[in-house]
Amino acid sequence: MIEKNEGDVSVAVAGTADSQEHTDDQDITMEEAFSRLNKILDEIEGGALPLEKVFKLYQEGLKLIAICEGKIDRIEKQLKIVAEAQ
């Protein structure tokens, strides 16, 4: 995890340190990413977390979404190539 200190707030750029999931791994499956995203939503919607934790979870969620978007883009490109070849 890379941290960037913004004044008094330390910002986690690559996910949360206390997460058991491996969101820093680009090899995470879509199923794993969606499962973790659901857990993040449940934690945030629970409303009992300090703001710093919510922010870290939000950042982790954004990273998971970016990973999923990348995977979807690659699949779409592969499908386009297959369709053009036929």
PDB file of N, CA and C in Angstrom:
ATOM      1  N   MET A   1       0.836  -1.172   0.000  1.00  0.00           N
ATOM      2  CA  MET A   1       0.000   0.000   0.000  1.00  0.00           C
ATOM      3  C   MET A   1       0.881   1.234   0.000  1.00  0.00           C
ATOM      4  N   ILE A   2       0.532   2.172  -0.838  1.00  0.00           N
ATOM      5  CA  ILE A   2       1.248   3.434  -0.907  1.00  0.00           C
ATOM      6  C   ILE A   2       0.428   4.463  -0.153  1.00  0.00           C
ATOM      7  N   GLU A   3       1.067   5.200   0.737  1.00  0.00           N
ATOM      8  CA  GLU A   3       0.340   6.225   1.461  1.00  0.00           C
ATOM      9  C   GLU A   3       0.885   7.586   1.114  1.00  0.00           C
ATOM     10  N   LYS A   4      -0.014   8.528   1.009  1.00  0.00           N
ATOM     11  CA  LYS A   4       0.343   9.902   0.702  1.00  0.00           C
ATOM     12  C   LYS A   4      -0.174  10.762   1.839  1.00  0.00           C
ATOM     13  N   ASN A   5       0.690  11.519   2.454  1.00  0.00           N
ATOM     14  CA  ASN A   5       0.281  12.330   3.592  1.00  0.00           C
ATOM     15  C   ASN A   5      -0.174  13.691   3.109  1.00  0.00           C
ATOM     16  N   GLU A   6      -1.428  14.003   3.343  1.00  0.00           N
ATOM     17  CA  GLU A   6      -2.015  15.293   2.988  1.00  0.00           C
ATOM     18  C   GLU A   6      -2.290  16.050   4.282  1.00  0.00           C
ATOM     19  N   GLY A   7      -1.318  16.772   4.791  1.00  0.00           N
ATOM     20  CA  GLY A   7      -1.505  17.497   6.046  1.00  0.00           C
ATOM     21  C   GLY A   7      -1.658  16.537   7.192  1.00  0.00           C
ATOM     22  N   ASP A   8      -2.792  16.606   7.875  1.00  0.00           N
ATOM     23  CA  ASP A   8      -3.055  15.731   9.009  1.00  0.00           C
ATOM     24  C   ASP A   8      -3.695  14.414   8.609  1.00  0.00           C
ATOM     25  N   VAL A   9      -4.063  14.266   7.339  1.00  0.00           N
ATOM     26  CA  VAL A   9      -4.778  13.076   6.894  1.00  0.00           C
ATOM     27  C   VAL A   9      -3.847  12.211   6.056  1.00  0.00           C
ATOM     28  N   SER A  10      -3.709  10.959   6.426  1.00  0.00           N
ATOM     29  CA  SER A  10      -2.928  10.014   5.653  1.00  0.00           C
ATOM     30  C   SER A  10      -3.877   9.277   4.722  1.00  0.00           C
ATOM     31  N   VAL A  11      -3.607   9.330   3.422  1.00  0.00           N
ATOM     32  CA  VAL A  11      -4.508   8.773   2.432  1.00  0.00           C
ATOM     33  C   VAL A  11      -3.929   7.477   1.895  1.00  0.00           C
ATOM     34  N   ALA A  12      -4.698   6.398   1.982  1.00  0.00           N
ATOM     35  CA  ALA A  12      -4.269   5.117   1.439  1.00  0.00           C
ATOM     36  C   ALA A  12      -4.624   5.079  -0.036  1.00  0.00           C
ATOM     37  N   VAL A  13      -3.622   4.924  -0.894  1.00  0.00           N
ATOM     38  CA  VAL A  13      -3.846   4.969  -2.321  1.00  0.00           C
ATOM     39  C   VAL A  13      -4.168   3.597  -2.889  1.00  0.00           C
ATOM     40  N   ALA A  14      -3.606   2.552  -2.327  1.00  0.00           N
ATOM     41  CA  ALA A  14      -3.758   1.230  -2.938  1.00  0.00           C
ATOM     42  C   ALA A  14      -4.621   0.291  -2.121  1.00  0.00           C
ATOM     43  N   GLY A  15      -5.619   0.775  -1.435  1.00  0.00           N
ATOM     44  CA  GLY A  15      -6.492  -0.090  -0.664  1.00  0.00           C
ATOM     45  C   GLY A  15      -6.257   0.082   0.815  1.00  0.00           C
ATOM     46  N   THR A  16      -6.955  -0.717   1.606  1.00  0.00           N
ATOM     47  CA  THR A  16      -6.839  -0.594   3.044  1.00  0.00           C
ATOM     48  C   THR A  16      -5.843  -1.596   3.589  1.00  0.00           C
ATOM     49  N   ALA A  17      -5.123  -1.190   4.605  1.00  0.00           N
ATOM     50  CA  ALA A  17      -4.111  -2.058   5.192  1.00  0.00           C
ATOM     51  C   ALA A  17      -4.740  -3.217   5.946  1.00  0.00           C
ATOM     52  N   ASP A  18      -5.927  -2.999   6.539  1.00  0.00           N
ATOM     53  CA  ASP A  18      -6.533  -4.048   7.340  1.00  0.00           C
ATOM     54  C   ASP A  18      -7.468  -4.938   6.539  1.00  0.00           C
ATOM     55  N   SER A  19      -7.534  -4.756   5.240  1.00  0.00           N
ATOM     56  CA  SER A  19      -8.355  -5.607   4.396  1.00  0.00           C
ATOM     57  C   SER A  19      -7.682  -6.951   4.204  1.00  0.00           C
ATOM     58  N   GLN A  20      -8.473  -8.026   4.313  1.00  0.00           N
ATOM     59  CA  GLN A  20      -7.903  -9.345   4.070  1.00  0.00           C
ATOM     60  C   GLN A  20      -7.883  -9.673   2.585  1.00  0.00           C
ATOM     61  N   GLU A  21      -8.568  -8.877   1.777  1.00  0.00           N
ATOM     62  CA  GLU A  21      -8.635  -9.124   0.354  1.00  0.00           C
ATOM     63  C   GLU A  21      -7.354  -8.636  -0.313  1.00  0.00           C
ATOM     64  N   HIS A  22      -7.098  -9.108  -1.521  1.00  0.00           N
ATOM     65  CA  HIS A  22      -5.878  -8.729  -2.238  1.00  0.00           C
ATOM     66  C   HIS A  22      -6.228  -7.788  -3.380  1.00  0.00           C
ATOM     67  N   THR A  23      -6.727  -6.588  -3.053  1.00  0.00           N
ATOM     68  CA  THR A  23      -7.142  -5.646  -4.079  1.00  0.00           C
ATOM     69  C   THR A  23      -5.974  -4.995  -4.793  1.00  0.00           C
ATOM     70  N   ASP A  24      -4.750  -5.190  -4.297  1.00  0.00           N
ATOM     71  CA  ASP A  24      -3.600  -4.656  -5.007  1.00  0.00           C
ATOM     72  C   ASP A  24      -3.170  -5.600  -6.118  1.00  0.00           C
ATOM     73  N   ASP A  25      -3.833  -6.733  -6.248  1.00  0.00           N
ATOM     74  CA  ASP A  25      -3.489  -7.774  -7.209  1.00  0.00           C
ATOM     75  C   ASP A  25      -4.367  -7.626  -8.447  1.00  0.00           C
ATOM     76  N   GLN A  26      -3.765  -7.339  -9.592  1.00  0.00           N
ATOM     77  CA  GLN A  26      -4.523  -7.210 -10.840  1.00  0.00           C
ATOM     78  C   GLN A  26      -5.111  -8.549 -11.283  1.00  0.00           C
ATOM     79  N   ASP A  27      -4.680  -9.656 -10.702  1.00  0.00           N
ATOM     80  CA  ASP A  27      -5.182 -10.970 -11.081  1.00  0.00           C
ATOM     81  C   ASP A  27      -6.444 -11.359 -10.332  1.00  0.00           C
ATOM     82  N   ILE A  28      -7.005 -10.461  -9.555  1.00  0.00           N
ATOM     83  CA  ILE A  28      -8.243 -10.742  -8.842  1.00  0.00           C
ATOM     84  C   ILE A  28      -9.339 -11.020  -9.874  1.00  0.00           C
ATOM     85  N   THR A  29     -10.179 -11.999  -9.609  1.00  0.00           N
ATOM     86  CA  THR A  29     -11.248 -12.328 -10.546  1.00  0.00           C
ATOM     87  C   THR A  29     -12.387 -11.329 -10.399  1.00  0.00           C
ATOM     88  N   MET A  30     -13.235 -11.275 -11.406  1.00  0.00           N
ATOM     89  CA  MET A  30     -14.404 -10.395 -11.340  1.00  0.00           C
ATOM     90  C   MET A  30     -15.290 -10.787 -10.163  1.00  0.00           C
ATOM     91  N   GLU A  31     -15.434 -12.077  -9.941  1.00  0.00           N
ATOM     92  CA  GLU A  31     -16.270 -12.556  -8.844  1.00  0.00           C
ATOM     93  C   GLU A  31     -15.717 -12.101  -7.498  1.00  0.00           C
ATOM     94  N   GLU A  32     -14.393 -12.199  -7.347  1.00  0.00           N
ATOM     95  CA  GLU A  32     -13.761 -11.748  -6.105  1.00  0.00           C
ATOM     96  C   GLU A  32     -13.930 -10.242  -5.921  1.00  0.00           C
ATOM     97  N   ALA A  33     -13.779  -9.511  -7.018  1.00  0.00           N
ATOM     98  CA  ALA A  33     -13.907  -8.056  -6.956  1.00  0.00           C
ATOM     99  C   ALA A  33     -15.335  -7.657  -6.575  1.00  0.00           C
ATOM    100  N   PHE A  34     -16.326  -8.279  -7.201  1.00  0.00           N
ATOM    101  CA  PHE A  34     -17.709  -7.952  -6.875  1.00  0.00           C
ATOM    102  C   PHE A  34     -18.064  -8.359  -5.446  1.00  0.00           C
ATOM    103  N   SER A  35     -17.527  -9.481  -5.001  1.00  0.00           N
ATOM    104  CA  SER A  35     -17.757  -9.915  -3.621  1.00  0.00           C
ATOM    105  C   SER A  35     -17.197  -8.899  -2.636  1.00  0.00           C
ATOM    106  N   ARG A  36     -15.967  -8.456  -2.893  1.00  0.00           N
ATOM    107  CA  ARG A  36     -15.346  -7.460  -2.008  1.00  0.00           C
ATOM    108  C   ARG A  36     -16.097  -6.136  -2.071  1.00  0.00           C
ATOM    109  N   LEU A  37     -16.536  -5.730  -3.274  1.00  0.00           N
ATOM    110  CA  LEU A  37     -17.317  -4.498  -3.397  1.00  0.00           C
ATOM    111  C   LEU A  37     -18.600  -4.574  -2.575  1.00  0.00           C
ATOM    112  N   ASN A  38     -19.266  -5.729  -2.606  1.00  0.00           N
ATOM    113  CA  ASN A  38     -20.476  -5.901  -1.788  1.00  0.00           C
ATOM    114  C   ASN A  38     -20.170  -5.792  -0.300  1.00  0.00           C
ATOM    115  N   LYS A  39     -19.041  -6.363   0.127  1.00  0.00           N
ATOM    116  CA  LYS A  39     -18.644  -6.255   1.532  1.00  0.00           C
ATOM    117  C   LYS A  39     -18.354  -4.807   1.906  1.00  0.00           C
ATOM    118  N   ILE A  40     -17.693  -4.095   1.002  1.00  0.00           N
ATOM    119  CA  ILE A  40     -17.392  -2.680   1.244  1.00  0.00           C
ATOM    120  C   ILE A  40     -18.689  -1.887   1.391  1.00  0.00           C
ATOM    121  N   LEU A  41     -19.635  -2.122   0.489  1.00  0.00           N
ATOM    122  CA  LEU A  41     -20.920  -1.423   0.573  1.00  0.00           C
ATOM    123  C   LEU A  41     -21.633  -1.719   1.886  1.00  0.00           C
ATOM    124  N   ASP A  42     -21.635  -2.985   2.279  1.00  0.00           N
ATOM    125  CA  ASP A  42     -22.271  -3.356   3.548  1.00  0.00           C
ATOM    126  C   ASP A  42     -21.625  -2.626   4.719  1.00  0.00           C
ATOM    127  N   GLU A  43     -20.277  -2.556   4.716  1.00  0.00           N
ATOM    128  CA  GLU A  43     -19.568  -1.878   5.804  1.00  0.00           C
ATOM    129  C   GLU A  43     -19.896  -0.390   5.835  1.00  0.00           C
ATOM    130  N   ILE A  44     -19.884   0.242   4.668  1.00  0.00           N
ATOM    131  CA  ILE A  44     -20.147   1.681   4.606  1.00  0.00           C
ATOM    132  C   ILE A  44     -21.598   1.977   4.968  1.00  0.00           C
ATOM    133  N   GLU A  45     -22.522   1.182   4.441  1.00  0.00           N
ATOM    134  CA  GLU A  45     -23.938   1.408   4.711  1.00  0.00           C
ATOM    135  C   GLU A  45     -24.303   1.134   6.169  1.00  0.00           C
ATOM    136  N   GLY A  46     -23.466   0.362   6.863  1.00  0.00           N
ATOM    137  CA  GLY A  46     -23.710   0.094   8.279  1.00  0.00           C
ATOM    138  C   GLY A  46     -23.668   1.361   9.111  1.00  0.00           C
ATOM    139  N   GLY A  47     -22.900   2.344   8.660  1.00  0.00           N
ATOM    140  CA  GLY A  47     -22.876   3.649   9.284  1.00  0.00           C
ATOM    141  C   GLY A  47     -22.125   3.772  10.591  1.00  0.00           C
ATOM    142  N   ALA A  48     -21.474   2.726  11.047  1.00  0.00           N
ATOM    143  CA  ALA A  48     -20.806   2.780  12.350  1.00  0.00           C
ATOM    144  C   ALA A  48     -19.300   2.982  12.231  1.00  0.00           C
ATOM    145  N   LEU A  49     -18.829   3.392  11.076  1.00  0.00           N
ATOM    146  CA  LEU A  49     -17.396   3.525  10.848  1.00  0.00           C
ATOM    147  C   LEU A  49     -16.950   4.977  10.948  1.00  0.00           C
ATOM    148  N   PRO A  50     -15.724   5.180  11.404  1.00  0.00           N
ATOM    149  CA  PRO A  50     -15.186   6.545  11.377  1.00  0.00           C
ATOM    150  C   PRO A  50     -14.954   6.985   9.927  1.00  0.00           C
ATOM    151  N   LEU A  51     -14.951   8.275   9.710  1.00  0.00           N
ATOM    152  CA  LEU A  51     -14.818   8.839   8.372  1.00  0.00           C
ATOM    153  C   LEU A  51     -13.561   8.358   7.665  1.00  0.00           C
ATOM    154  N   GLU A  52     -12.455   8.243   8.386  1.00  0.00           N
ATOM    155  CA  GLU A  52     -11.211   7.794   7.767  1.00  0.00           C
ATOM    156  C   GLU A  52     -11.343   6.392   7.191  1.00  0.00           C
ATOM    157  N   LYS A  53     -12.021   5.510   7.916  1.00  0.00           N
ATOM    158  CA  LYS A  53     -12.231   4.130   7.447  1.00  0.00           C
ATOM    159  C   LYS A  53     -13.139   4.120   6.220  1.00  0.00           C
ATOM    160  N   VAL A  54     -14.186   4.937   6.247  1.00  0.00           N
ATOM    161  CA  VAL A  54     -15.093   5.032   5.097  1.00  0.00           C
ATOM    162  C   VAL A  54     -14.321   5.491   3.870  1.00  0.00           C
ATOM    163  N   PHE A  55     -13.458   6.473   4.046  1.00  0.00           N
ATOM    164  CA  PHE A  55     -12.659   6.993   2.936  1.00  0.00           C
ATOM    165  C   PHE A  55     -11.740   5.913   2.377  1.00  0.00           C
ATOM    166  N   LYS A  56     -11.108   5.143   3.243  1.00  0.00           N
ATOM    167  CA  LYS A  56     -10.227   4.062   2.788  1.00  0.00           C
ATOM    168  C   LYS A  56     -11.017   2.999   2.033  1.00  0.00           C
ATOM    169  N   LEU A  57     -12.183   2.646   2.555  1.00  0.00           N
ATOM    170  CA  LEU A  57     -13.018   1.663   1.876  1.00  0.00           C
ATOM    171  C   LEU A  57     -13.486   2.187   0.521  1.00  0.00           C
ATOM    172  N   TYR A  58     -13.819   3.459   0.469  1.00  0.00           N
ATOM    173  CA  TYR A  58     -14.236   4.090  -0.784  1.00  0.00           C
ATOM    174  C   TYR A  58     -13.114   4.004  -1.818  1.00  0.00           C
ATOM    175  N   GLN A  59     -11.898   4.311  -1.395  1.00  0.00           N
ATOM    176  CA  GLN A  59     -10.754   4.238  -2.308  1.00  0.00           C
ATOM    177  C   GLN A  59     -10.525   2.804  -2.784  1.00  0.00           C
ATOM    178  N   GLU A  60     -10.655   1.863  -1.880  1.00  0.00           N
ATOM    179  CA  GLU A  60     -10.496   0.460  -2.266  1.00  0.00           C
ATOM    180  C   GLU A  60     -11.557   0.080  -3.292  1.00  0.00           C
ATOM    181  N   GLY A  61     -12.776   0.542  -3.066  1.00  0.00           N
ATOM    182  CA  GLY A  61     -13.856   0.276  -4.011  1.00  0.00           C
ATOM    183  C   GLY A  61     -13.581   0.856  -5.385  1.00  0.00           C
ATOM    184  N   LEU A  62     -13.056   2.087  -5.422  1.00  0.00           N
ATOM    185  CA  LEU A  62     -12.709   2.703  -6.703  1.00  0.00           C
ATOM    186  C   LEU A  62     -11.656   1.893  -7.443  1.00  0.00           C
ATOM    187  N   LYS A  63     -10.690   1.376  -6.705  1.00  0.00           N
ATOM    188  CA  LYS A  63      -9.647   0.569  -7.336  1.00  0.00           C
ATOM    189  C   LYS A  63     -10.229  -0.733  -7.894  1.00  0.00           C
ATOM    190  N   LEU A  64     -11.124  -1.354  -7.135  1.00  0.00           N
ATOM    191  CA  LEU A  64     -11.765  -2.576  -7.613  1.00  0.00           C
ATOM    192  C   LEU A  64     -12.588  -2.307  -8.867  1.00  0.00           C
ATOM    193  N   ILE A  65     -13.295  -1.191  -8.885  1.00  0.00           N
ATOM    194  CA  ILE A  65     -14.085  -0.829 -10.063  1.00  0.00           C
ATOM    195  C   ILE A  65     -13.175  -0.633 -11.268  1.00  0.00           C
ATOM    196  N   ALA A  66     -12.042   0.029 -11.081  1.00  0.00           N
ATOM    197  CA  ALA A  66     -11.098   0.245 -12.178  1.00  0.00           C
ATOM    198  C   ALA A  66     -10.556  -1.084 -12.700  1.00  0.00           C
ATOM    199  N   ILE A  67     -10.267  -2.004 -11.804  1.00  0.00           N
ATOM    200  CA  ILE A  67      -9.787  -3.328 -12.218  1.00  0.00           C
ATOM    201  C   ILE A  67     -10.858  -4.029 -13.052  1.00  0.00           C
ATOM    202  N   CYS A  68     -12.108  -3.978 -12.592  1.00  0.00           N
ATOM    203  CA  CYS A  68     -13.209  -4.616 -13.325  1.00  0.00           C
ATOM    204  C   CYS A  68     -13.404  -3.970 -14.695  1.00  0.00           C
ATOM    205  N   GLU A  69     -13.340  -2.642 -14.741  1.00  0.00           N
ATOM    206  CA  GLU A  69     -13.484  -1.951 -16.020  1.00  0.00           C
ATOM    207  C   GLU A  69     -12.388  -2.366 -16.997  1.00  0.00           C
ATOM    208  N   GLY A  70     -11.169  -2.521 -16.498  1.00  0.00           N
ATOM    209  CA  GLY A  70     -10.074  -2.965 -17.347  1.00  0.00           C
ATOM    210  C   GLY A  70     -10.311  -4.356 -17.899  1.00  0.00           C
ATOM    211  N   LYS A  71     -10.803  -5.243 -17.047  1.00  0.00           N
ATOM    212  CA  LYS A  71     -11.097  -6.612 -17.488  1.00  0.00           C
ATOM    213  C   LYS A  71     -12.217  -6.617 -18.528  1.00  0.00           C
ATOM    214  N   ILE A  72     -13.248  -5.825 -18.297  1.00  0.00           N
ATOM    215  CA  ILE A  72     -14.363  -5.753 -19.238  1.00  0.00           C
ATOM    216  C   ILE A  72     -13.888  -5.191 -20.573  1.00  0.00           C
ATOM    217  N   ASP A  73     -13.074  -4.163 -20.540  1.00  0.00           N
ATOM    218  CA  ASP A  73     -12.535  -3.583 -21.781  1.00  0.00           C
ATOM    219  C   ASP A  73     -11.748  -4.621 -22.571  1.00  0.00           C
ATOM    220  N   ARG A  74     -10.902  -5.397 -21.886  1.00  0.00           N
ATOM    221  CA  ARG A  74     -10.117  -6.430 -22.575  1.00  0.00           C
ATOM    222  C   ARG A  74     -11.029  -7.480 -23.201  1.00  0.00           C
ATOM    223  N   ILE A  75     -12.062  -7.883 -22.485  1.00  0.00           N
ATOM    224  CA  ILE A  75     -12.992  -8.884 -23.015  1.00  0.00           C
ATOM    225  C   ILE A  75     -13.736  -8.334 -24.224  1.00  0.00           C
ATOM    226  N   GLU A  76     -14.177  -7.083 -24.152  1.00  0.00           N
ATOM    227  CA  GLU A  76     -14.868  -6.468 -25.292  1.00  0.00           C
ATOM    228  C   GLU A  76     -13.968  -6.419 -26.522  1.00  0.00           C
ATOM    229  N   LYS A  77     -12.701  -6.083 -26.334  1.00  0.00           N
ATOM    230  CA  LYS A  77     -11.762  -6.049 -27.461  1.00  0.00           C
ATOM    231  C   LYS A  77     -11.582  -7.438 -28.061  1.00  0.00           C
ATOM    232  N   GLN A  78     -11.489  -8.454 -27.191  1.00  0.00           N
ATOM    233  CA  GLN A  78     -11.343  -9.822 -27.682  1.00  0.00           C
ATOM    234  C   GLN A  78     -12.583 -10.257 -28.462  1.00  0.00           C
ATOM    235  N   LEU A  79     -13.758  -9.896 -27.966  1.00  0.00           N
ATOM    236  CA  LEU A  79     -14.998 -10.250 -28.661  1.00  0.00           C
ATOM    237  C   LEU A  79     -15.084  -9.561 -30.021  1.00  0.00           C
ATOM    238  N   LYS A  80     -14.636  -8.319 -30.081  1.00  0.00           N
ATOM    239  CA  LYS A  80     -14.642  -7.573 -31.335  1.00  0.00           C
ATOM    240  C   LYS A  80     -13.719  -8.243 -32.352  1.00  0.00           C
ATOM    241  N   ILE A  81     -12.550  -8.672 -31.907  1.00  0.00           N
ATOM    242  CA  ILE A  81     -11.596  -9.352 -32.789  1.00  0.00           C
ATOM    243  C   ILE A  81     -12.193 -10.650 -33.301  1.00  0.00           C
ATOM    244  N   VAL A  82     -12.822 -11.406 -32.434  1.00  0.00           N
ATOM    245  CA  VAL A  82     -13.451 -12.669 -32.840  1.00  0.00           C
ATOM    246  C   VAL A  82     -14.580 -12.411 -33.830  1.00  0.00           C
ATOM    247  N   ALA A  83     -15.406 -11.404 -33.558  1.00  0.00           N
ATOM    248  CA  ALA A  83     -16.519 -11.093 -34.454  1.00  0.00           C
ATOM    249  C   ALA A  83     -16.028 -10.640 -35.817  1.00  0.00           C
ATOM    250  N   GLU A  84     -14.950  -9.858 -35.866  1.00  0.00           N
ATOM    251  CA  GLU A  84     -14.394  -9.388 -37.134  1.00  0.00           C
ATOM    252  C   GLU A  84     -13.750 -10.532 -37.928  1.00  0.00           C
ATOM    253  N   ALA A  85     -13.265 -11.528 -37.239  1.00  0.00           N
ATOM    254  CA  ALA A  85     -12.618 -12.655 -37.900  1.00  0.00           C
ATOM    255  C   ALA A  85     -13.617 -13.592 -38.565  1.00  0.00           C
ATOM    256  N   GLN A  86     -14.863 -13.495 -38.175  1.00  0.00           N
ATOM    257  CA  GLN A  86     -15.862 -14.407 -38.740  1.00  0.00           C
ATOM    258  C   GLN A  86     -16.521 -13.873 -39.935  1.00  0.00           C
TER     259      GLN A  86
END
